[in-house]
Amino acid sequence: EESLVQTYIPRLVDVAGNKASIPRDTVLDVPSWSVGHVIRFLEVNECTNLVPAFKEKAINGEQLMNLTKQEIMSLSQNKIGPCLKFENLQNLLKKMMTSMQARQYART
């Protein structure tokens, strides 16, 4: 039954770089994302230049959340712009997951 649930892939920033709003009741389980979900996340968030490297290294959701600055630099071929953009997205995801998990635990 869970396999029928479509995974929500958030757009965290718009084209101008402004933070996008995400529905409050959204469940964001990034660590369970497949490589395909991660690729979709990169595409939705204007990071298509990182797609080939992420595909080649088969980066899934758990790995995505644990990438270090050095690993991100390597994946972005040492280009500062894409590295900083991805780091920002990674930090936004972490903040969202933490606050969502806190709300979820507060309900029980």
PDB file of N, CA and C in Angstrom:
ATOM      1  N   GLU A   1       0.821  -1.198   0.000  1.00  0.00           N
ATOM      2  CA  GLU A   1       0.000   0.000   0.000  1.00  0.00           C
ATOM      3  C   GLU A   1       0.862   1.258   0.000  1.00  0.00           C
ATOM      4  N   GLU A   2       1.977   1.271   0.750  1.00  0.00           N
ATOM      5  CA  GLU A   2       2.851   2.432   0.799  1.00  0.00           C
ATOM      6  C   GLU A   2       3.507   2.717  -0.533  1.00  0.00           C
ATOM      7  N   SER A   3       3.720   1.698  -1.338  1.00  0.00           N
ATOM      8  CA  SER A   3       4.360   1.902  -2.632  1.00  0.00           C
ATOM      9  C   SER A   3       3.492   2.725  -3.571  1.00  0.00           C
ATOM     10  N   LEU A   4       2.200   2.820  -3.278  1.00  0.00           N
ATOM     11  CA  LEU A   4       1.296   3.611  -4.096  1.00  0.00           C
ATOM     12  C   LEU A   4       1.373   5.099  -3.763  1.00  0.00           C
ATOM     13  N   VAL A   5       1.918   5.429  -2.607  1.00  0.00           N
ATOM     14  CA  VAL A   5       2.030   6.819  -2.199  1.00  0.00           C
ATOM     15  C   VAL A   5       3.156   7.479  -2.992  1.00  0.00           C
ATOM     16  N   GLN A   6       2.821   8.577  -3.672  1.00  0.00           N
ATOM     17  CA  GLN A   6       3.825   9.282  -4.462  1.00  0.00           C
ATOM     18  C   GLN A   6       4.723  10.092  -3.528  1.00  0.00           C
ATOM     19  N   THR A   7       6.015  10.022  -3.740  1.00  0.00           N
ATOM     20  CA  THR A   7       6.967  10.746  -2.916  1.00  0.00           C
ATOM     21  C   THR A   7       6.953  12.212  -3.299  1.00  0.00           C
ATOM     22  N   TYR A   8       6.826  13.073  -2.300  1.00  0.00           N
ATOM     23  CA  TYR A   8       6.820  14.514  -2.519  1.00  0.00           C
ATOM     24  C   TYR A   8       8.257  15.005  -2.665  1.00  0.00           C
ATOM     25  N   ILE A   9       8.535  15.647  -3.798  1.00  0.00           N
ATOM     26  CA  ILE A   9       9.848  16.224  -4.050  1.00  0.00           C
ATOM     27  C   ILE A   9       9.671  17.742  -4.021  1.00  0.00           C
ATOM     28  N   PRO A  10      10.189  18.413  -2.994  1.00  0.00           N
ATOM     29  CA  PRO A  10       9.937  19.845  -2.860  1.00  0.00           C
ATOM     30  C   PRO A  10      10.811  20.728  -3.745  1.00  0.00           C
ATOM     31  N   ARG A  11      10.213  21.818  -4.181  1.00  0.00           N
ATOM     32  CA  ARG A  11      10.980  22.894  -4.811  1.00  0.00           C
ATOM     33  C   ARG A  11      11.257  23.873  -3.685  1.00  0.00           C
ATOM     34  N   LEU A  12      12.505  23.989  -3.274  1.00  0.00           N
ATOM     35  CA  LEU A  12      12.860  24.772  -2.099  1.00  0.00           C
ATOM     36  C   LEU A  12      13.143  26.233  -2.398  1.00  0.00           C
ATOM     37  N   VAL A  13      13.595  26.518  -3.611  1.00  0.00           N
ATOM     38  CA  VAL A  13      13.846  27.900  -4.006  1.00  0.00           C
ATOM     39  C   VAL A  13      13.305  28.119  -5.406  1.00  0.00           C
ATOM     40  N   ASP A  14      12.848  29.353  -5.665  1.00  0.00           N
ATOM     41  CA  ASP A  14      12.360  29.650  -7.012  1.00  0.00           C
ATOM     42  C   ASP A  14      13.531  30.083  -7.887  1.00  0.00           C
ATOM     43  N   VAL A  15      13.245  30.422  -9.130  1.00  0.00           N
ATOM     44  CA  VAL A  15      14.291  30.769 -10.090  1.00  0.00           C
ATOM     45  C   VAL A  15      15.124  31.953  -9.593  1.00  0.00           C
ATOM     46  N   ALA A  16      14.478  32.882  -8.892  1.00  0.00           N
ATOM     47  CA  ALA A  16      15.172  34.064  -8.371  1.00  0.00           C
ATOM     48  C   ALA A  16      15.972  33.770  -7.098  1.00  0.00           C
ATOM     49  N   GLY A  17      15.876  32.540  -6.587  1.00  0.00           N
ATOM     50  CA  GLY A  17      16.613  32.171  -5.393  1.00  0.00           C
ATOM     51  C   GLY A  17      15.863  32.413  -4.099  1.00  0.00           C
ATOM     52  N   ASN A  18      14.580  32.764  -4.200  1.00  0.00           N
ATOM     53  CA  ASN A  18      13.769  32.983  -3.001  1.00  0.00           C
ATOM     54  C   ASN A  18      13.268  31.656  -2.446  1.00  0.00           C
ATOM     55  N   LYS A  19      13.228  31.559  -1.132  1.00  0.00           N
ATOM     56  CA  LYS A  19      12.759  30.339  -0.475  1.00  0.00           C
ATOM     57  C   LYS A  19      11.281  30.120  -0.795  1.00  0.00           C
ATOM     58  N   ALA A  20      10.946  28.911  -1.215  1.00  0.00           N
ATOM     59  CA  ALA A  20       9.561  28.568  -1.550  1.00  0.00           C
ATOM     60  C   ALA A  20       8.846  28.050  -0.304  1.00  0.00           C
ATOM     61  N   SER A  21       7.529  28.249  -0.274  1.00  0.00           N
ATOM     62  CA  SER A  21       6.766  27.725   0.863  1.00  0.00           C
ATOM     63  C   SER A  21       6.295  26.312   0.550  1.00  0.00           C
ATOM     64  N   ILE A  22       6.227  25.509   1.588  1.00  0.00           N
ATOM     65  CA  ILE A  22       5.843  24.109   1.444  1.00  0.00           C
ATOM     66  C   ILE A  22       4.680  23.844   2.398  1.00  0.00           C
ATOM     67  N   PRO A  23       3.657  23.116   1.926  1.00  0.00           N
ATOM     68  CA  PRO A  23       2.503  22.844   2.792  1.00  0.00           C
ATOM     69  C   PRO A  23       2.915  22.269   4.142  1.00  0.00           C
ATOM     70  N   ARG A  24       2.249  22.741   5.199  1.00  0.00           N
ATOM     71  CA  ARG A  24       2.584  22.329   6.577  1.00  0.00           C
ATOM     72  C   ARG A  24       2.519  20.838   6.816  1.00  0.00           C
ATOM     73  N   ASP A  25       1.521  20.186   6.237  1.00  0.00           N
ATOM     74  CA  ASP A  25       1.326  18.765   6.523  1.00  0.00           C
ATOM     75  C   ASP A  25       2.139  17.851   5.616  1.00  0.00           C
ATOM     76  N   THR A  26       3.090  18.412   4.896  1.00  0.00           N
ATOM     77  CA  THR A  26       3.922  17.628   3.986  1.00  0.00           C
ATOM     78  C   THR A  26       4.858  16.716   4.776  1.00  0.00           C
ATOM     79  N   VAL A  27       4.874  15.454   4.410  1.00  0.00           N
ATOM     80  CA  VAL A  27       5.799  14.505   5.026  1.00  0.00           C
ATOM     81  C   VAL A  27       7.014  14.401   4.117  1.00  0.00           C
ATOM     82  N   LEU A  28       8.156  14.726   4.657  1.00  0.00           N
ATOM     83  CA  LEU A  28       9.386  14.741   3.870  1.00  0.00           C
ATOM     84  C   LEU A  28      10.346  13.723   4.459  1.00  0.00           C
ATOM     85  N   ASP A  29      10.449  12.571   3.802  1.00  0.00           N
ATOM     86  CA  ASP A  29      11.311  11.497   4.291  1.00  0.00           C
ATOM     87  C   ASP A  29      12.493  11.325   3.347  1.00  0.00           C
ATOM     88  N   VAL A  30      13.362  12.333   3.337  1.00  0.00           N
ATOM     89  CA  VAL A  30      14.502  12.359   2.410  1.00  0.00           C
ATOM     90  C   VAL A  30      15.380  11.115   2.518  1.00  0.00           C
ATOM     91  N   PRO A  31      15.686  10.609   3.724  1.00  0.00           N
ATOM     92  CA  PRO A  31      16.558   9.426   3.796  1.00  0.00           C
ATOM     93  C   PRO A  31      16.024   8.205   3.032  1.00  0.00           C
ATOM     94  N   SER A  32      14.734   8.162   2.766  1.00  0.00           N
ATOM     95  CA  SER A  32      14.180   7.019   2.038  1.00  0.00           C
ATOM     96  C   SER A  32      14.154   7.246   0.519  1.00  0.00           C
ATOM     97  N   TRP A  33      14.603   8.410   0.055  1.00  0.00           N
ATOM     98  CA  TRP A  33      14.586   8.693  -1.381  1.00  0.00           C
ATOM     99  C   TRP A  33      15.527   7.765  -2.132  1.00  0.00           C
ATOM    100  N   SER A  34      15.095   7.371  -3.315  1.00  0.00           N
ATOM    101  CA  SER A  34      15.937   6.588  -4.226  1.00  0.00           C
ATOM    102  C   SER A  34      16.833   7.553  -5.015  1.00  0.00           C
ATOM    103  N   VAL A  35      17.716   7.004  -5.820  1.00  0.00           N
ATOM    104  CA  VAL A  35      18.557   7.829  -6.698  1.00  0.00           C
ATOM    105  C   VAL A  35      17.663   8.653  -7.627  1.00  0.00           C
ATOM    106  N   GLY A  36      16.588   8.047  -8.122  1.00  0.00           N
ATOM    107  CA  GLY A  36      15.658   8.755  -9.010  1.00  0.00           C
ATOM    108  C   GLY A  36      14.997   9.943  -8.332  1.00  0.00           C
ATOM    109  N   HIS A  37      14.632   9.792  -7.056  1.00  0.00           N
ATOM    110  CA  HIS A  37      14.045  10.906  -6.309  1.00  0.00           C
ATOM    111  C   HIS A  37      15.056  12.048  -6.166  1.00  0.00           C
ATOM    112  N   VAL A  38      16.305  11.696  -5.881  1.00  0.00           N
ATOM    113  CA  VAL A  38      17.355  12.707  -5.724  1.00  0.00           C
ATOM    114  C   VAL A  38      17.551  13.452  -7.043  1.00  0.00           C
ATOM    115  N   ILE A  39      17.570  12.723  -8.148  1.00  0.00           N
ATOM    116  CA  ILE A  39      17.727  13.350  -9.469  1.00  0.00           C
ATOM    117  C   ILE A  39      16.570  14.311  -9.729  1.00  0.00           C
ATOM    118  N   ARG A  40      15.362  13.878  -9.408  1.00  0.00           N
ATOM    119  CA  ARG A  40      14.181  14.741  -9.582  1.00  0.00           C
ATOM    120  C   ARG A  40      14.291  15.993  -8.704  1.00  0.00           C
ATOM    121  N   PHE A  41      14.769  15.831  -7.481  1.00  0.00           N
ATOM    122  CA  PHE A  41      14.972  16.963  -6.573  1.00  0.00           C
ATOM    123  C   PHE A  41      15.948  17.969  -7.185  1.00  0.00           C
ATOM    124  N   LEU A  42      17.055  17.476  -7.747  1.00  0.00           N
ATOM    125  CA  LEU A  42      18.037  18.362  -8.377  1.00  0.00           C
ATOM    126  C   LEU A  42      17.417  19.090  -9.565  1.00  0.00           C
ATOM    127  N   GLU A  43      16.637  18.389 -10.363  1.00  0.00           N
ATOM    128  CA  GLU A  43      16.004  18.996 -11.534  1.00  0.00           C
ATOM    129  C   GLU A  43      14.987  20.068 -11.131  1.00  0.00           C
ATOM    130  N   VAL A  44      14.147  19.756 -10.159  1.00  0.00           N
ATOM    131  CA  VAL A  44      13.110  20.682  -9.693  1.00  0.00           C
ATOM    132  C   VAL A  44      13.730  21.939  -9.093  1.00  0.00           C
ATOM    133  N   ASN A  45      14.904  21.813  -8.519  1.00  0.00           N
ATOM    134  CA  ASN A  45      15.558  22.931  -7.842  1.00  0.00           C
ATOM    135  C   ASN A  45      16.692  23.561  -8.651  1.00  0.00           C
ATOM    136  N   GLU A  46      16.603  23.431  -9.976  1.00  0.00           N
ATOM    137  CA  GLU A  46      17.523  24.127 -10.889  1.00  0.00           C
ATOM    138  C   GLU A  46      18.996  23.735 -10.700  1.00  0.00           C
ATOM    139  N   CYS A  47      19.242  22.458 -10.412  1.00  0.00           N
ATOM    140  CA  CYS A  47      20.617  21.962 -10.265  1.00  0.00           C
ATOM    141  C   CYS A  47      20.908  20.850 -11.275  1.00  0.00           C
ATOM    142  N   THR A  48      20.401  21.009 -12.477  1.00  0.00           N
ATOM    143  CA  THR A  48      20.559  19.956 -13.490  1.00  0.00           C
ATOM    144  C   THR A  48      22.027  19.691 -13.836  1.00  0.00           C
ATOM    145  N   ASN A  49      22.894  20.688 -13.626  1.00  0.00           N
ATOM    146  CA  ASN A  49      24.315  20.487 -13.911  1.00  0.00           C
ATOM    147  C   ASN A  49      24.950  19.444 -12.988  1.00  0.00           C
ATOM    148  N   LEU A  50      24.307  19.156 -11.857  1.00  0.00           N
ATOM    149  CA  LEU A  50      24.837  18.150 -10.919  1.00  0.00           C
ATOM    150  C   LEU A  50      24.308  16.741 -11.192  1.00  0.00           C
ATOM    151  N   VAL A  51      23.275  16.639 -12.026  1.00  0.00           N
ATOM    152  CA  VAL A  51      22.620  15.349 -12.273  1.00  0.00           C
ATOM    153  C   VAL A  51      23.587  14.258 -12.740  1.00  0.00           C
ATOM    154  N   PRO A  52      24.438  14.499 -13.755  1.00  0.00           N
ATOM    155  CA  PRO A  52      25.322  13.411 -14.213  1.00  0.00           C
ATOM    156  C   PRO A  52      26.214  12.843 -13.105  1.00  0.00           C
ATOM    157  N   ALA A  53      26.790  13.704 -12.273  1.00  0.00           N
ATOM    158  CA  ALA A  53      27.677  13.232 -11.204  1.00  0.00           C
ATOM    159  C   ALA A  53      26.892  12.457 -10.144  1.00  0.00           C
ATOM    160  N   PHE A  54      25.691  12.936  -9.809  1.00  0.00           N
ATOM    161  CA  PHE A  54      24.878  12.247  -8.805  1.00  0.00           C
ATOM    162  C   PHE A  54      24.402  10.889  -9.326  1.00  0.00           C
ATOM    163  N   LYS A  55      24.097  10.821 -10.615  1.00  0.00           N
ATOM    164  CA  LYS A  55      23.706   9.537 -11.218  1.00  0.00           C
ATOM    165  C   LYS A  55      24.888   8.574 -11.204  1.00  0.00           C
ATOM    166  N   GLU A  56      26.047   9.065 -11.619  1.00  0.00           N
ATOM    167  CA  GLU A  56      27.243   8.224 -11.690  1.00  0.00           C
ATOM    168  C   GLU A  56      27.600   7.650 -10.325  1.00  0.00           C
ATOM    169  N   LYS A  57      27.485   8.462  -9.281  1.00  0.00           N
ATOM    170  CA  LYS A  57      27.811   8.015  -7.922  1.00  0.00           C
ATOM    171  C   LYS A  57      26.625   7.351  -7.224  1.00  0.00           C
ATOM    172  N   ALA A  58      25.465   7.298  -7.903  1.00  0.00           N
ATOM    173  CA  ALA A  58      24.238   6.675  -7.370  1.00  0.00           C
ATOM    174  C   ALA A  58      23.899   7.204  -5.977  1.00  0.00           C
ATOM    175  N   ILE A  59      23.795   8.530  -5.864  1.00  0.00           N
ATOM    176  CA  ILE A  59      23.502   9.183  -4.587  1.00  0.00           C
ATOM    177  C   ILE A  59      22.011   9.048  -4.268  1.00  0.00           C
ATOM    178  N   ASN A  60      21.697   8.376  -3.157  1.00  0.00           N
ATOM    179  CA  ASN A  60      20.296   8.259  -2.723  1.00  0.00           C
ATOM    180  C   ASN A  60      20.022   9.314  -1.644  1.00  0.00           C
ATOM    181  N   GLY A  61      18.823   9.292  -1.077  1.00  0.00           N
ATOM    182  CA  GLY A  61      18.426  10.309  -0.111  1.00  0.00           C
ATOM    183  C   GLY A  61      19.274  10.349   1.143  1.00  0.00           C
ATOM    184  N   GLU A  62      19.599   9.183   1.674  1.00  0.00           N
ATOM    185  CA  GLU A  62      20.413   9.151   2.891  1.00  0.00           C
ATOM    186  C   GLU A  62      21.798   9.723   2.620  1.00  0.00           C
ATOM    187  N   GLN A  63      22.383   9.337   1.486  1.00  0.00           N
ATOM    188  CA  GLN A  63      23.701   9.861   1.120  1.00  0.00           C
ATOM    189  C   GLN A  63      23.626  11.365   0.863  1.00  0.00           C
ATOM    190  N   LEU A  64      22.550  11.812   0.233  1.00  0.00           N
ATOM    191  CA  LEU A  64      22.351  13.234  -0.063  1.00  0.00           C
ATOM    192  C   LEU A  64      22.432  14.064   1.214  1.00  0.00           C
ATOM    193  N   MET A  65      21.782  13.590   2.270  1.00  0.00           N
ATOM    194  CA  MET A  65      21.742  14.340   3.522  1.00  0.00           C
ATOM    195  C   MET A  65      23.074  14.313   4.269  1.00  0.00           C
ATOM    196  N   ASN A  66      23.935  13.355   3.935  1.00  0.00           N
ATOM    197  CA  ASN A  66      25.213  13.214   4.647  1.00  0.00           C
ATOM    198  C   ASN A  66      26.429  13.663   3.841  1.00  0.00           C
ATOM    199  N   LEU A  67      26.205  14.230   2.652  1.00  0.00           N
ATOM    200  CA  LEU A  67      27.334  14.689   1.848  1.00  0.00           C
ATOM    201  C   LEU A  67      28.092  15.799   2.564  1.00  0.00           C
ATOM    202  N   THR A  68      29.407  15.704   2.553  1.00  0.00           N
ATOM    203  CA  THR A  68      30.251  16.741   3.152  1.00  0.00           C
ATOM    204  C   THR A  68      30.546  17.812   2.111  1.00  0.00           C
ATOM    205  N   LYS A  69      31.053  18.945   2.572  1.00  0.00           N
ATOM    206  CA  LYS A  69      31.416  20.030   1.659  1.00  0.00           C
ATOM    207  C   LYS A  69      32.439  19.540   0.624  1.00  0.00           C
ATOM    208  N   GLN A  70      33.393  18.734   1.072  1.00  0.00           N
ATOM    209  CA  GLN A  70      34.420  18.206   0.165  1.00  0.00           C
ATOM    210  C   GLN A  70      33.791  17.310  -0.907  1.00  0.00           C
ATOM    211  N   GLU A  71      32.844  16.464  -0.506  1.00  0.00           N
ATOM    212  CA  GLU A  71      32.162  15.587  -1.468  1.00  0.00           C
ATOM    213  C   GLU A  71      31.314  16.395  -2.443  1.00  0.00           C
ATOM    214  N   ILE A  72      30.666  17.433  -1.944  1.00  0.00           N
ATOM    215  CA  ILE A  72      29.848  18.293  -2.816  1.00  0.00           C
ATOM    216  C   ILE A  72      30.741  19.004  -3.820  1.00  0.00           C
ATOM    217  N   MET A  73      31.892  19.490  -3.359  1.00  0.00           N
ATOM    218  CA  MET A  73      32.840  20.146  -4.268  1.00  0.00           C
ATOM    219  C   MET A  73      33.285  19.179  -5.364  1.00  0.00           C
ATOM    220  N   SER A  74      33.550  17.942  -4.983  1.00  0.00           N
ATOM    221  CA  SER A  74      33.962  16.939  -5.955  1.00  0.00           C
ATOM    222  C   SER A  74      32.848  16.674  -6.971  1.00  0.00           C
ATOM    223  N   LEU A  75      31.607  16.522  -6.465  1.00  0.00           N
ATOM    224  CA  LEU A  75      30.468  16.259  -7.355  1.00  0.00           C
ATOM    225  C   LEU A  75      30.180  17.437  -8.280  1.00  0.00           C
ATOM    226  N   SER A  76      30.498  18.660  -7.827  1.00  0.00           N
ATOM    227  CA  SER A  76      30.244  19.844  -8.654  1.00  0.00           C
ATOM    228  C   SER A  76      31.482  20.236  -9.463  1.00  0.00           C
ATOM    229  N   GLN A  77      32.443  19.345  -9.535  1.00  0.00           N
ATOM    230  CA  GLN A  77      33.697  19.547 -10.274  1.00  0.00           C
ATOM    231  C   GLN A  77      34.418  20.813  -9.808  1.00  0.00           C
ATOM    232  N   ASN A  78      34.414  21.009  -8.491  1.00  0.00           N
ATOM    233  CA  ASN A  78      35.093  22.134  -7.848  1.00  0.00           C
ATOM    234  C   ASN A  78      34.595  23.504  -8.299  1.00  0.00           C
ATOM    235  N   LYS A  79      33.335  23.574  -8.705  1.00  0.00           N
ATOM    236  CA  LYS A  79      32.724  24.849  -9.081  1.00  0.00           C
ATOM    237  C   LYS A  79      31.988  25.390  -7.859  1.00  0.00           C
ATOM    238  N   ILE A  80      32.390  26.573  -7.423  1.00  0.00           N
ATOM    239  CA  ILE A  80      31.864  27.162  -6.188  1.00  0.00           C
ATOM    240  C   ILE A  80      30.364  27.433  -6.263  1.00  0.00           C
ATOM    241  N   GLY A  81      29.870  28.008  -7.352  1.00  0.00           N
ATOM    242  CA  GLY A  81      28.448  28.363  -7.475  1.00  0.00           C
ATOM    243  C   GLY A  81      27.525  27.178  -7.245  1.00  0.00           C
ATOM    244  N   PRO A  82      27.667  26.102  -8.045  1.00  0.00           N
ATOM    245  CA  PRO A  82      26.816  24.931  -7.838  1.00  0.00           C
ATOM    246  C   PRO A  82      26.978  24.307  -6.454  1.00  0.00           C
ATOM    247  N   CYS A  83      28.194  24.347  -5.926  1.00  0.00           N
ATOM    248  CA  CYS A  83      28.445  23.792  -4.592  1.00  0.00           C
ATOM    249  C   CYS A  83      27.658  24.571  -3.538  1.00  0.00           C
ATOM    250  N   LEU A  84      27.737  25.899  -3.576  1.00  0.00           N
ATOM    251  CA  LEU A  84      27.026  26.730  -2.599  1.00  0.00           C
ATOM    252  C   LEU A  84      25.516  26.574  -2.737  1.00  0.00           C
ATOM    253  N   LYS A  85      25.047  26.504  -3.979  1.00  0.00           N
ATOM    254  CA  LYS A  85      23.604  26.346  -4.203  1.00  0.00           C
ATOM    255  C   LYS A  85      23.121  25.024  -3.612  1.00  0.00           C
ATOM    256  N   PHE A  86      23.869  23.961  -3.872  1.00  0.00           N
ATOM    257  CA  PHE A  86      23.473  22.656  -3.339  1.00  0.00           C
ATOM    258  C   PHE A  86      23.542  22.638  -1.817  1.00  0.00           C
ATOM    259  N   GLU A  87      24.592  23.221  -1.246  1.00  0.00           N
ATOM    260  CA  GLU A  87      24.708  23.274   0.220  1.00  0.00           C
ATOM    261  C   GLU A  87      23.505  23.978   0.834  1.00  0.00           C
ATOM    262  N   ASN A  88      23.061  25.053   0.195  1.00  0.00           N
ATOM    263  CA  ASN A  88      21.884  25.770   0.677  1.00  0.00           C
ATOM    264  C   ASN A  88      20.654  24.860   0.637  1.00  0.00           C
ATOM    265  N   LEU A  89      20.472  24.148  -0.467  1.00  0.00           N
ATOM    266  CA  LEU A  89      19.329  23.231  -0.584  1.00  0.00           C
ATOM    267  C   LEU A  89      19.402  22.134   0.473  1.00  0.00           C
ATOM    268  N   GLN A  90      20.593  21.591   0.670  1.00  0.00           N
ATOM    269  CA  GLN A  90      20.791  20.534   1.671  1.00  0.00           C
ATOM    270  C   GLN A  90      20.431  21.054   3.074  1.00  0.00           C
ATOM    271  N   ASN A  91      20.867  22.272   3.396  1.00  0.00           N
ATOM    272  CA  ASN A  91      20.563  22.863   4.704  1.00  0.00           C
ATOM    273  C   ASN A  91      19.071  23.126   4.864  1.00  0.00           C
ATOM    274  N   LEU A  92      18.408  23.596   3.797  1.00  0.00           N
ATOM    275  CA  LEU A  92      16.961  23.819   3.850  1.00  0.00           C
ATOM    276  C   LEU A  92      16.229  22.496   4.104  1.00  0.00           C
ATOM    277  N   LEU A  93      16.666  21.436   3.424  1.00  0.00           N
ATOM    278  CA  LEU A  93      16.052  20.118   3.637  1.00  0.00           C
ATOM    279  C   LEU A  93      16.210  19.677   5.088  1.00  0.00           C
ATOM    280  N   LYS A  94      17.403  19.841   5.630  1.00  0.00           N
ATOM    281  CA  LYS A  94      17.667  19.431   7.011  1.00  0.00           C
ATOM    282  C   LYS A  94      16.780  20.201   7.982  1.00  0.00           C
ATOM    283  N   LYS A  95      16.639  21.503   7.760  1.00  0.00           N
ATOM    284  CA  LYS A  95      15.789  22.320   8.635  1.00  0.00           C
ATOM    285  C   LYS A  95      14.338  21.876   8.539  1.00  0.00           C
ATOM    286  N   MET A  96      13.881  21.592   7.324  1.00  0.00           N
ATOM    287  CA  MET A  96      12.500  21.166   7.136  1.00  0.00           C
ATOM    288  C   MET A  96      12.255  19.820   7.805  1.00  0.00           C
ATOM    289  N   MET A  97      13.160  18.909   7.636  1.00  0.00           N
ATOM    290  CA  MET A  97      12.986  17.587   8.228  1.00  0.00           C
ATOM    291  C   MET A  97      12.948  17.685   9.747  1.00  0.00           C
ATOM    292  N   THR A  98      13.836  18.460  10.313  1.00  0.00           N
ATOM    293  CA  THR A  98      13.899  18.593  11.756  1.00  0.00           C
ATOM    294  C   THR A  98      12.609  19.182  12.303  1.00  0.00           C
ATOM    295  N   SER A  99      12.123  20.264  11.708  1.00  0.00           N
ATOM    296  CA  SER A  99      10.912  20.893  12.222  1.00  0.00           C
ATOM    297  C   SER A  99       9.698  19.997  12.002  1.00  0.00           C
ATOM    298  N   MET A 100       9.656  19.295  10.886  1.00  0.00           N
ATOM    299  CA  MET A 100       8.530  18.395  10.623  1.00  0.00           C
ATOM    300  C   MET A 100       8.532  17.233  11.606  1.00  0.00           C
ATOM    301  N   GLN A 101       9.708  16.693  11.860  1.00  0.00           N
ATOM    302  CA  GLN A 101       9.799  15.585  12.804  1.00  0.00           C
ATOM    303  C   GLN A 101       9.407  16.056  14.200  1.00  0.00           C
ATOM    304  N   ALA A 102       9.790  17.270  14.563  1.00  0.00           N
ATOM    305  CA  ALA A 102       9.442  17.807  15.881  1.00  0.00           C
ATOM    306  C   ALA A 102       7.928  17.944  16.010  1.00  0.00           C
ATOM    307  N   ARG A 103       7.275  18.452  14.966  1.00  0.00           N
ATOM    308  CA  ARG A 103       5.814  18.569  14.994  1.00  0.00           C
ATOM    309  C   ARG A 103       5.164  17.203  15.078  1.00  0.00           C
ATOM    310  N   GLN A 104       5.714  16.236  14.355  1.00  0.00           N
ATOM    311  CA  GLN A 104       5.162  14.905  14.342  1.00  0.00           C
ATOM    312  C   GLN A 104       5.242  14.277  15.740  1.00  0.00           C
ATOM    313  N   TYR A 105       6.369  14.442  16.407  1.00  0.00           N
ATOM    314  CA  TYR A 105       6.532  13.881  17.744  1.00  0.00           C
ATOM    315  C   TYR A 105       5.657  14.616  18.752  1.00  0.00           C
ATOM    316  N   ALA A 106       5.405  15.890  18.529  1.00  0.00           N
ATOM    317  CA  ALA A 106       4.569  16.668  19.454  1.00  0.00           C
ATOM    318  C   ALA A 106       3.121  16.179  19.435  1.00  0.00           C
ATOM    319  N   ARG A 107       2.697  15.582  18.330  1.00  0.00           N
ATOM    320  CA  ARG A 107       1.305  15.109  18.193  1.00  0.00           C
ATOM    321  C   ARG A 107       1.057  13.828  18.954  1.00  0.00           C
ATOM    322  N   THR A 108       2.106  13.035  19.192  1.00  0.00           N
ATOM    323  CA  THR A 108       1.900  11.732  19.833  1.00  0.00           C
ATOM    324  C   THR A 108       1.936  11.827  21.341  1.00  0.00           C
TER     325      THR A 108
END
